[in-house]
């Protein structure tokens, strides 16, 4: 287990290493600030997932000017709560203003809403 989070032992040495995302084109680069990074960098989910692990893909992949990617991943379901200060604005940016703190995603689990023969699939 210690090897899994070895990077955390050396974290203080790199405290000033807020990632330089100035040339990045992703939702993470638009939302991450030094204040948010400082607030979240030492937090872990119950499964020992860190902010640095969430954002590593966005740091490593600057993206393309015409294709704005997300730039981060959730390591587990708790990531969305533990790192809400960064996930919420990224979700809002990626999903055209959808705010997970004030909006509820519509869900329709009624299979009848899919229609029947002739609508989605053909009789056959």
N, C-alpha and C. Protein backbone atom coordinates (compact mmCIF):
# COMPACT_ATOMS: atom_id res chain seq x y z
N UNK A 1 0.82 -1.20 0.00
CA UNK A 1 0.00 0.00 0.00
C UNK A 1 0.86 1.26 0.00
N UNK A 2 2.02 1.21 0.65
CA UNK A 2 2.89 2.39 0.67
C UNK A 2 3.42 2.71 -0.72
N UNK A 3 3.69 1.69 -1.52
CA UNK A 3 4.20 1.93 -2.87
C UNK A 3 3.14 2.59 -3.75
N UNK A 4 1.89 2.26 -3.49
CA UNK A 4 0.79 2.81 -4.27
C UNK A 4 0.73 4.34 -4.15
N UNK A 5 1.09 4.85 -2.97
CA UNK A 5 1.02 6.29 -2.72
C UNK A 5 2.38 6.89 -2.39
N UNK A 6 3.43 6.30 -2.95
CA UNK A 6 4.78 6.76 -2.69
C UNK A 6 4.95 8.24 -3.06
N UNK A 7 4.27 8.67 -4.10
CA UNK A 7 4.38 10.07 -4.53
C UNK A 7 3.95 11.04 -3.44
N UNK A 8 3.09 10.59 -2.52
CA UNK A 8 2.63 11.47 -1.45
C UNK A 8 3.73 11.76 -0.44
N UNK A 9 4.70 10.85 -0.30
CA UNK A 9 5.80 11.06 0.63
C UNK A 9 6.69 12.22 0.20
N UNK A 10 6.76 12.49 -1.07
CA UNK A 10 7.63 13.53 -1.59
C UNK A 10 6.87 14.78 -2.01
N UNK A 11 5.62 14.85 -1.66
CA UNK A 11 4.77 15.93 -2.12
C UNK A 11 5.25 17.31 -1.65
N UNK A 12 5.73 17.40 -0.40
CA UNK A 12 6.15 18.69 0.13
C UNK A 12 7.31 19.28 -0.66
N UNK A 13 8.16 18.43 -1.24
CA UNK A 13 9.27 18.93 -2.04
C UNK A 13 8.78 19.66 -3.28
N UNK A 14 7.60 19.33 -3.73
CA UNK A 14 7.08 19.88 -4.97
C UNK A 14 5.88 20.79 -4.74
N UNK A 15 5.80 21.36 -3.56
CA UNK A 15 4.66 22.19 -3.21
C UNK A 15 4.46 23.34 -4.19
N UNK A 16 5.54 23.89 -4.69
CA UNK A 16 5.44 25.02 -5.61
C UNK A 16 5.16 24.56 -7.04
N UNK A 17 5.05 23.28 -7.26
CA UNK A 17 4.87 22.76 -8.61
C UNK A 17 3.40 22.68 -9.03
N UNK A 18 2.71 23.77 -8.85
CA UNK A 18 1.37 23.87 -9.42
C UNK A 18 1.54 23.69 -10.93
N UNK A 19 0.78 22.81 -11.55
CA UNK A 19 1.02 22.51 -12.96
C UNK A 19 0.83 23.73 -13.87
N UNK A 20 1.74 23.87 -14.80
CA UNK A 20 1.67 24.96 -15.77
C UNK A 20 0.75 24.52 -16.91
N UNK A 21 -0.46 25.03 -16.90
CA UNK A 21 -1.46 24.64 -17.88
C UNK A 21 -1.77 25.76 -18.87
N UNK A 22 -0.89 26.75 -18.94
CA UNK A 22 -1.15 27.92 -19.78
C UNK A 22 -1.31 27.57 -21.26
N UNK A 23 -0.64 26.53 -21.73
CA UNK A 23 -0.73 26.15 -23.14
C UNK A 23 -1.63 24.94 -23.35
N UNK A 24 -2.40 24.59 -22.33
CA UNK A 24 -3.27 23.43 -22.41
C UNK A 24 -4.66 23.85 -22.86
N UNK A 25 -5.31 22.97 -23.59
CA UNK A 25 -6.68 23.20 -24.02
C UNK A 25 -7.55 22.06 -23.50
N UNK A 26 -7.96 22.18 -22.25
CA UNK A 26 -8.89 21.21 -21.67
C UNK A 26 -9.69 21.91 -20.57
N UNK A 27 -10.74 21.27 -20.13
CA UNK A 27 -11.61 21.86 -19.10
C UNK A 27 -10.86 22.05 -17.79
N UNK A 28 -9.94 21.14 -17.49
CA UNK A 28 -9.14 21.27 -16.27
C UNK A 28 -8.36 22.58 -16.29
N UNK A 29 -7.69 22.88 -17.39
CA UNK A 29 -6.88 24.09 -17.49
C UNK A 29 -7.72 25.35 -17.29
N UNK A 30 -8.98 25.30 -17.71
CA UNK A 30 -9.87 26.44 -17.55
C UNK A 30 -10.33 26.62 -16.11
N UNK A 31 -10.39 25.54 -15.35
CA UNK A 31 -10.98 25.59 -14.01
C UNK A 31 -9.97 25.59 -12.86
N UNK A 32 -8.82 24.97 -13.05
CA UNK A 32 -7.88 24.82 -11.94
C UNK A 32 -7.15 26.13 -11.65
N UNK A 33 -7.17 26.53 -10.39
CA UNK A 33 -6.44 27.71 -9.94
C UNK A 33 -5.45 27.27 -8.87
N UNK A 34 -4.43 28.09 -8.59
CA UNK A 34 -3.52 27.74 -7.50
C UNK A 34 -4.25 27.57 -6.16
N UNK A 35 -5.28 28.36 -5.93
CA UNK A 35 -6.03 28.25 -4.68
C UNK A 35 -6.75 26.90 -4.58
N UNK A 36 -7.40 26.49 -5.66
CA UNK A 36 -8.10 25.19 -5.65
C UNK A 36 -7.09 24.07 -5.51
N UNK A 37 -5.99 24.16 -6.24
CA UNK A 37 -4.95 23.12 -6.15
C UNK A 37 -4.43 23.02 -4.71
N UNK A 38 -4.12 24.16 -4.10
CA UNK A 38 -3.63 24.16 -2.73
C UNK A 38 -4.64 23.60 -1.74
N UNK A 39 -5.90 23.85 -1.97
CA UNK A 39 -6.97 23.37 -1.09
C UNK A 39 -7.14 21.86 -1.18
N UNK A 40 -6.94 21.29 -2.37
CA UNK A 40 -7.26 19.88 -2.60
C UNK A 40 -6.06 18.94 -2.65
N UNK A 41 -4.86 19.47 -2.81
CA UNK A 41 -3.70 18.63 -3.11
C UNK A 41 -3.38 17.59 -2.04
N UNK A 42 -3.72 17.82 -0.80
CA UNK A 42 -3.41 16.87 0.26
C UNK A 42 -4.57 15.96 0.63
N UNK A 43 -5.69 16.12 -0.04
CA UNK A 43 -6.85 15.28 0.26
C UNK A 43 -6.75 13.95 -0.48
N UNK A 44 -7.36 12.94 0.11
CA UNK A 44 -7.44 11.61 -0.51
C UNK A 44 -8.86 11.09 -0.38
N UNK A 45 -9.27 10.29 -1.33
CA UNK A 45 -10.55 9.60 -1.20
C UNK A 45 -10.34 8.42 -0.26
N UNK A 46 -11.41 7.77 0.20
CA UNK A 46 -11.24 6.58 1.04
C UNK A 46 -10.43 5.47 0.37
N UNK A 47 -10.34 5.50 -0.95
CA UNK A 47 -9.54 4.51 -1.69
C UNK A 47 -8.14 5.02 -2.00
N UNK A 48 -7.72 6.10 -1.32
CA UNK A 48 -6.39 6.70 -1.48
C UNK A 48 -6.14 7.29 -2.86
N UNK A 49 -7.15 7.83 -3.49
CA UNK A 49 -6.99 8.50 -4.77
C UNK A 49 -6.74 9.98 -4.50
N UNK A 50 -5.76 10.56 -5.16
CA UNK A 50 -5.36 11.94 -4.91
C UNK A 50 -5.75 12.87 -6.06
N UNK A 51 -5.69 14.16 -5.78
CA UNK A 51 -5.94 15.16 -6.82
C UNK A 51 -4.93 15.00 -7.95
N UNK A 52 -3.67 14.80 -7.60
CA UNK A 52 -2.64 14.66 -8.64
C UNK A 52 -2.95 13.50 -9.58
N UNK A 53 -3.49 12.43 -9.04
CA UNK A 53 -3.87 11.30 -9.89
C UNK A 53 -5.05 11.68 -10.79
N UNK A 54 -5.98 12.46 -10.26
CA UNK A 54 -7.13 12.90 -11.06
C UNK A 54 -6.71 13.76 -12.24
N UNK A 55 -5.75 14.65 -12.01
CA UNK A 55 -5.41 15.62 -13.05
C UNK A 55 -4.22 15.23 -13.92
N UNK A 56 -3.56 14.12 -13.60
CA UNK A 56 -2.34 13.76 -14.34
C UNK A 56 -2.56 13.66 -15.84
N UNK A 57 -3.67 13.09 -16.26
CA UNK A 57 -3.93 12.97 -17.70
C UNK A 57 -4.04 14.33 -18.38
N UNK A 58 -4.63 15.29 -17.70
CA UNK A 58 -4.75 16.63 -18.27
C UNK A 58 -3.45 17.40 -18.28
N UNK A 59 -2.57 17.09 -17.33
CA UNK A 59 -1.25 17.72 -17.29
C UNK A 59 -0.37 17.14 -18.40
N UNK A 60 -0.44 15.83 -18.58
CA UNK A 60 0.40 15.14 -19.57
C UNK A 60 -0.04 15.38 -21.01
N UNK A 61 -1.32 15.65 -21.21
CA UNK A 61 -1.88 15.79 -22.56
C UNK A 61 -2.45 17.20 -22.74
N UNK A 62 -1.69 18.10 -23.37
CA UNK A 62 -2.15 19.48 -23.48
C UNK A 62 -3.37 19.68 -24.37
N UNK A 63 -3.68 18.71 -25.19
CA UNK A 63 -4.86 18.82 -26.04
C UNK A 63 -4.57 19.54 -27.34
N UNK A 64 -5.64 19.86 -28.04
CA UNK A 64 -5.56 20.50 -29.35
C UNK A 64 -6.46 21.74 -29.33
N UNK A 65 -6.05 22.82 -29.98
CA UNK A 65 -6.86 24.04 -29.93
C UNK A 65 -8.30 23.87 -30.41
N UNK A 66 -8.56 22.90 -31.28
CA UNK A 66 -9.91 22.73 -31.82
C UNK A 66 -10.71 21.63 -31.13
N UNK A 67 -10.07 20.92 -30.20
CA UNK A 67 -10.75 19.82 -29.51
C UNK A 67 -10.51 19.96 -28.01
N UNK A 68 -11.47 20.49 -27.30
CA UNK A 68 -11.33 20.69 -25.85
C UNK A 68 -11.76 19.42 -25.13
N UNK A 69 -10.80 18.78 -24.48
CA UNK A 69 -11.09 17.56 -23.74
C UNK A 69 -11.34 17.89 -22.27
N UNK A 70 -11.68 16.88 -21.48
CA UNK A 70 -11.97 17.08 -20.06
C UNK A 70 -10.68 17.39 -19.29
N UNK A 71 -9.67 16.55 -19.44
CA UNK A 71 -8.39 16.80 -18.77
C UNK A 71 -8.26 16.23 -17.38
N UNK A 72 -9.20 15.43 -16.95
CA UNK A 72 -9.08 14.78 -15.64
C UNK A 72 -9.99 13.56 -15.58
N UNK A 73 -9.72 12.71 -14.61
CA UNK A 73 -10.52 11.50 -14.41
C UNK A 73 -10.85 11.35 -12.93
N UNK A 74 -11.94 10.65 -12.67
CA UNK A 74 -12.30 10.31 -11.30
C UNK A 74 -11.79 8.89 -11.04
N UNK A 75 -11.00 8.73 -10.01
CA UNK A 75 -10.45 7.41 -9.70
C UNK A 75 -11.45 6.50 -9.04
N UNK A 76 -12.45 7.08 -8.42
CA UNK A 76 -13.51 6.33 -7.76
C UNK A 76 -14.71 7.26 -7.60
N UNK A 77 -15.83 6.72 -7.14
CA UNK A 77 -17.02 7.56 -7.05
C UNK A 77 -16.88 8.66 -6.01
N UNK A 78 -16.04 8.46 -5.00
CA UNK A 78 -15.84 9.49 -3.98
C UNK A 78 -15.05 10.69 -4.50
N UNK A 79 -14.35 10.52 -5.61
CA UNK A 79 -13.58 11.62 -6.19
C UNK A 79 -14.46 12.84 -6.46
N UNK A 80 -15.70 12.60 -6.88
CA UNK A 80 -16.59 13.70 -7.20
C UNK A 80 -16.94 14.54 -5.98
N UNK A 81 -16.95 13.93 -4.80
CA UNK A 81 -17.25 14.66 -3.57
C UNK A 81 -16.00 15.25 -2.96
N UNK A 82 -14.95 14.45 -2.84
CA UNK A 82 -13.71 14.91 -2.20
C UNK A 82 -13.09 16.07 -2.99
N UNK A 83 -13.16 15.99 -4.30
CA UNK A 83 -12.56 17.01 -5.16
C UNK A 83 -13.63 17.83 -5.89
N UNK A 84 -14.76 18.03 -5.24
CA UNK A 84 -15.89 18.74 -5.86
C UNK A 84 -15.52 20.14 -6.34
N UNK A 85 -14.60 20.79 -5.66
CA UNK A 85 -14.22 22.16 -6.03
C UNK A 85 -13.63 22.24 -7.43
N UNK A 86 -13.07 21.14 -7.94
CA UNK A 86 -12.56 21.13 -9.31
C UNK A 86 -13.48 20.35 -10.24
N UNK A 87 -14.07 19.26 -9.75
CA UNK A 87 -14.94 18.47 -10.62
C UNK A 87 -16.19 19.25 -11.05
N UNK A 88 -16.81 19.99 -10.14
CA UNK A 88 -18.04 20.70 -10.49
C UNK A 88 -17.85 21.72 -11.61
N UNK A 89 -16.83 22.58 -11.55
CA UNK A 89 -16.66 23.50 -12.68
C UNK A 89 -16.25 22.80 -13.98
N UNK A 90 -15.51 21.71 -13.88
CA UNK A 90 -15.14 20.96 -15.08
C UNK A 90 -16.38 20.33 -15.71
N UNK A 91 -17.23 19.74 -14.89
CA UNK A 91 -18.49 19.15 -15.39
C UNK A 91 -19.35 20.24 -16.03
N UNK A 92 -19.43 21.38 -15.37
CA UNK A 92 -20.24 22.49 -15.90
C UNK A 92 -19.71 22.96 -17.25
N UNK A 93 -18.39 23.04 -17.38
CA UNK A 93 -17.77 23.46 -18.64
C UNK A 93 -18.01 22.43 -19.74
N UNK A 94 -17.79 21.18 -19.42
CA UNK A 94 -17.89 20.11 -20.42
C UNK A 94 -19.33 19.86 -20.87
N UNK A 95 -20.28 20.06 -19.95
CA UNK A 95 -21.68 19.73 -20.24
C UNK A 95 -22.55 20.98 -20.39
N UNK A 96 -21.98 21.98 -21.04
CA UNK A 96 -22.74 23.17 -21.45
C UNK A 96 -23.56 23.82 -20.35
N UNK A 97 -22.96 24.03 -19.19
CA UNK A 97 -23.63 24.74 -18.12
C UNK A 97 -24.34 23.88 -17.10
N UNK A 98 -24.34 22.56 -17.29
CA UNK A 98 -24.99 21.69 -16.30
C UNK A 98 -24.24 21.82 -14.98
N UNK A 99 -24.92 22.25 -13.95
CA UNK A 99 -24.31 22.45 -12.63
C UNK A 99 -24.77 21.34 -11.69
N UNK A 100 -23.87 20.41 -11.34
CA UNK A 100 -24.27 19.30 -10.48
C UNK A 100 -24.68 19.71 -9.07
N UNK A 101 -24.38 20.95 -8.68
CA UNK A 101 -24.76 21.39 -7.34
C UNK A 101 -26.18 21.93 -7.29
N UNK A 102 -26.71 22.38 -8.43
CA UNK A 102 -28.05 22.99 -8.43
C UNK A 102 -29.04 22.33 -9.37
N UNK A 103 -28.56 21.44 -10.22
CA UNK A 103 -29.44 20.81 -11.21
C UNK A 103 -29.50 19.31 -11.00
N UNK A 104 -30.58 18.72 -11.48
CA UNK A 104 -30.72 17.27 -11.40
C UNK A 104 -30.83 16.72 -12.81
N UNK A 105 -29.96 15.79 -13.13
CA UNK A 105 -29.97 15.21 -14.47
C UNK A 105 -31.24 14.40 -14.67
N UNK A 106 -31.96 14.63 -15.77
CA UNK A 106 -33.20 13.87 -15.99
C UNK A 106 -32.90 12.39 -16.26
N UNK A 107 -33.66 11.54 -15.62
CA UNK A 107 -33.50 10.10 -15.79
C UNK A 107 -34.86 9.49 -16.04
N UNK A 108 -34.97 8.70 -17.09
CA UNK A 108 -36.21 8.00 -17.39
C UNK A 108 -35.88 6.53 -17.56
N UNK A 109 -36.21 5.73 -16.57
CA UNK A 109 -35.91 4.31 -16.61
C UNK A 109 -37.10 3.48 -17.10
N UNK A 110 -38.11 4.15 -17.63
CA UNK A 110 -39.28 3.46 -18.15
C UNK A 110 -38.95 2.89 -19.53
N UNK A 111 -38.86 1.57 -19.62
CA UNK A 111 -38.51 0.94 -20.90
C UNK A 111 -39.60 1.17 -21.95
N UNK A 112 -40.80 1.45 -21.51
CA UNK A 112 -41.89 1.74 -22.45
C UNK A 112 -41.65 3.03 -23.22
N UNK A 113 -40.84 3.92 -22.67
CA UNK A 113 -40.55 5.18 -23.35
C UNK A 113 -39.69 4.96 -24.59
N UNK A 114 -39.10 3.79 -24.71
CA UNK A 114 -38.26 3.48 -25.88
C UNK A 114 -39.11 3.13 -27.09
N UNK A 115 -40.39 2.96 -26.90
CA UNK A 115 -41.27 2.58 -28.00
C UNK A 115 -41.31 1.06 -28.13
N UNK A 116 -41.92 0.62 -29.15
CA UNK A 116 -42.04 -0.82 -29.37
C UNK A 116 -41.62 -1.18 -30.76
N UNK A 117 -42.12 -2.31 -31.24
CA UNK A 117 -41.78 -2.73 -32.60
C UNK A 117 -42.10 -1.63 -33.61
N UNK A 118 -41.17 -1.40 -34.49
CA UNK A 118 -41.36 -0.38 -35.51
C UNK A 118 -40.78 0.97 -35.14
N UNK A 119 -40.43 1.19 -33.87
CA UNK A 119 -39.87 2.48 -33.51
C UNK A 119 -38.34 2.42 -33.45
N UNK A 120 -37.83 1.50 -32.66
CA UNK A 120 -36.38 1.40 -32.51
C UNK A 120 -35.85 0.18 -33.26
N UNK A 121 -36.59 -0.86 -33.20
CA UNK A 121 -36.21 -2.09 -33.89
C UNK A 121 -37.36 -2.51 -34.80
N UNK A 122 -37.09 -3.33 -35.72
CA UNK A 122 -38.16 -3.74 -36.63
C UNK A 122 -38.64 -5.13 -36.27
N UNK A 123 -39.87 -5.38 -36.63
CA UNK A 123 -40.40 -6.73 -36.41
C UNK A 123 -39.75 -7.64 -37.43
N UNK A 124 -39.37 -8.78 -36.97
CA UNK A 124 -38.77 -9.50 -37.99
C UNK A 124 -38.39 -10.84 -37.90
